[in-house]
């Protein structure tokens, strides 16, 4: 499997939000508050176009699947044309322990309603995962 396909697989995991999820809790339950804080912090790095740092701040699983240079190229190609973030709000957040194509663990699947300078309406999905050290770090990112 080439690097491009690995990047697509890592990002595509986020597109499978509802399918196969076990334990779910809405905002405020499970680890959702911690997950949202991790997602917000990570998005601020992406918004600042510090894509290499966004990879550094990702979870171990993500970094094991997506090489840094491939991530930087991929995210710059997707985010760059959208322009600056004009507004962003959490639309939903779900805690789950299972996601298709990902190892079992603790995840918070967050969907943001976002307006960009060059795209009036978008849904950003950010999925923080609790790393072995107990800290939530982003395991993937998807925009539609």
Protein backbone atom coordinates (compact mmCIF):
# COMPACT_ATOMS: atom_id res chain seq x y z
CA UNK A 1 0.00 0.00 0.00
CA UNK A 2 1.48 3.36 -0.97
CA UNK A 3 1.66 6.41 1.33
CA UNK A 4 -1.22 8.22 -0.39
CA UNK A 5 -3.55 5.32 0.32
CA UNK A 6 -2.42 5.21 3.95
CA UNK A 7 -3.21 8.92 4.31
CA UNK A 8 -6.62 8.41 2.77
CA UNK A 9 -7.30 5.43 5.06
CA UNK A 10 -6.32 7.40 8.18
CA UNK A 11 -8.51 10.30 7.17
CA UNK A 12 -11.35 8.06 5.95
CA UNK A 13 -11.66 6.44 9.39
CA UNK A 14 -13.32 9.68 10.40
CA UNK A 15 -15.92 9.39 7.68
CA UNK A 16 -17.25 6.24 9.32
CA UNK A 17 -18.62 8.09 12.30
CA UNK A 18 -21.84 6.28 13.13
CA UNK A 19 -21.14 2.80 11.81
CA UNK A 20 -19.99 0.25 14.32
CA UNK A 21 -19.76 2.57 17.30
CA UNK A 22 -20.47 0.93 20.61
CA UNK A 23 -20.78 3.06 23.75
CA UNK A 24 -21.91 6.57 22.78
CA UNK A 25 -22.43 9.60 24.93
CA UNK A 26 -23.39 13.10 23.84
CA UNK A 27 -21.67 16.29 24.90
CA UNK A 28 -20.43 16.24 28.48
CA UNK A 29 -20.21 12.45 28.97
CA UNK A 30 -17.45 9.88 28.71
CA UNK A 31 -14.35 11.79 27.72
CA UNK A 32 -16.13 14.28 25.50
CA UNK A 33 -14.98 17.39 27.36
CA UNK A 34 -11.35 16.26 27.20
CA UNK A 35 -11.77 15.23 23.57
CA UNK A 36 -13.31 18.57 22.58
CA UNK A 37 -10.49 20.46 24.32
CA UNK A 38 -7.94 18.33 22.41
CA UNK A 39 -9.79 18.87 19.13
CA UNK A 40 -10.07 22.63 19.63
CA UNK A 41 -6.39 22.95 20.52
CA UNK A 42 -5.31 20.83 17.54
CA UNK A 43 -7.53 22.76 15.12
CA UNK A 44 -5.94 26.02 16.28
CA UNK A 45 -2.58 24.63 15.13
CA UNK A 46 -4.05 23.61 11.76
CA UNK A 47 -5.76 27.01 11.41
CA UNK A 48 -2.35 28.65 11.91
CA UNK A 49 -1.03 26.52 9.02
CA UNK A 50 1.44 24.77 11.32
CA UNK A 51 0.76 21.45 9.63
CA UNK A 52 3.99 19.80 10.70
CA UNK A 53 3.15 20.64 14.31
CA UNK A 54 -0.37 19.22 13.84
CA UNK A 55 1.25 15.89 12.93
CA UNK A 56 3.52 16.10 15.99
CA UNK A 57 0.45 16.65 18.19
CA UNK A 58 -1.47 13.71 16.68
CA UNK A 59 -1.88 10.40 18.48
CA UNK A 60 0.62 7.55 18.18
CA UNK A 61 -1.77 5.50 15.99
CA UNK A 62 -2.08 8.34 13.46
CA UNK A 63 1.67 8.96 13.33
CA UNK A 64 2.24 5.25 12.80
CA UNK A 65 -0.03 5.19 9.76
CA UNK A 66 0.60 8.59 8.15
CA UNK A 67 4.15 9.80 7.45
CA UNK A 68 4.70 13.42 8.44
CA UNK A 69 5.64 14.70 4.97
CA UNK A 70 2.58 13.07 3.45
CA UNK A 71 0.32 14.57 6.13
CA UNK A 72 1.73 18.06 5.61
CA UNK A 73 1.21 17.84 1.84
CA UNK A 74 -2.29 16.38 2.18
CA UNK A 75 -3.65 18.80 4.77
CA UNK A 76 -2.09 21.85 3.06
CA UNK A 77 -3.77 20.82 -0.18
CA UNK A 78 -7.16 20.52 1.50
CA UNK A 79 -7.09 23.41 3.97
CA UNK A 80 -5.07 25.98 2.04
CA UNK A 81 -7.69 26.68 -0.65
CA UNK A 82 -10.44 27.11 1.96
CA UNK A 83 -8.85 30.25 3.42
CA UNK A 84 -9.23 31.50 6.97
CA UNK A 85 -11.79 30.18 9.44
CA UNK A 86 -14.59 32.71 9.88
CA UNK A 87 -16.56 30.71 12.45
CA UNK A 88 -16.62 27.26 13.99
CA UNK A 89 -18.92 25.62 16.51
CA UNK A 90 -19.29 22.11 17.86
CA UNK A 91 -22.32 20.50 16.24
CA UNK A 92 -21.95 17.13 17.98
CA UNK A 93 -19.52 15.08 20.02
CA UNK A 94 -19.80 11.36 20.70
CA UNK A 95 -17.69 9.17 22.94
CA UNK A 96 -17.08 5.66 21.62
CA UNK A 97 -14.72 2.77 22.19
CA UNK A 98 -14.92 1.29 18.69
CA UNK A 99 -14.54 2.74 15.21
CA UNK A 100 -14.38 0.72 11.99
CA UNK A 101 -10.83 0.29 10.74
CA UNK A 102 -9.28 1.59 13.96
CA UNK A 103 -8.03 -0.18 17.08
CA UNK A 104 -10.39 -0.35 20.05
CA UNK A 105 -9.81 2.53 22.40
CA UNK A 106 -11.40 5.69 23.72
CA UNK A 107 -12.45 8.15 21.01
CA UNK A 108 -14.47 11.32 20.83
CA UNK A 109 -15.91 11.94 17.36
CA UNK A 110 -16.49 15.68 17.06
CA UNK A 111 -18.29 17.40 14.22
CA UNK A 112 -17.83 21.13 13.82
CA UNK A 113 -19.95 23.47 11.69
CA UNK A 114 -17.33 25.67 10.09
CA UNK A 115 -17.40 28.66 7.76
CA UNK A 116 -14.23 29.34 5.83
CA UNK A 117 -13.28 32.39 3.82
CA UNK A 118 -13.71 30.43 0.56
CA UNK A 119 -16.32 27.85 1.66
CA UNK A 120 -19.46 29.10 3.34
CA UNK A 121 -20.50 25.85 4.95
CA UNK A 122 -18.39 22.85 5.87
CA UNK A 123 -18.41 20.02 8.37
CA UNK A 124 -15.07 19.28 9.96
CA UNK A 125 -14.78 15.98 11.78
CA UNK A 126 -11.99 15.62 14.31
CA UNK A 127 -11.50 12.40 16.25
CA UNK A 128 -9.29 12.57 19.32
CA UNK A 129 -8.19 9.22 20.77
CA UNK A 130 -6.91 8.63 24.28
CA UNK A 131 -3.23 7.67 23.91
CA UNK A 132 -1.62 5.12 26.27
CA UNK A 133 -0.39 8.00 28.48
CA UNK A 134 -4.03 8.98 29.12
CA UNK A 135 -3.99 12.16 26.99
CA UNK A 136 -6.46 12.71 24.14
CA UNK A 137 -4.71 13.41 20.83
CA UNK A 138 -6.20 13.66 17.36
CA UNK A 139 -6.35 10.41 15.39
CA UNK A 140 -7.81 11.88 12.23
CA UNK A 141 -9.37 14.81 10.42
CA UNK A 142 -11.95 15.01 7.68
CA UNK A 143 -13.67 17.91 5.91
CA UNK A 144 -16.77 17.75 3.78
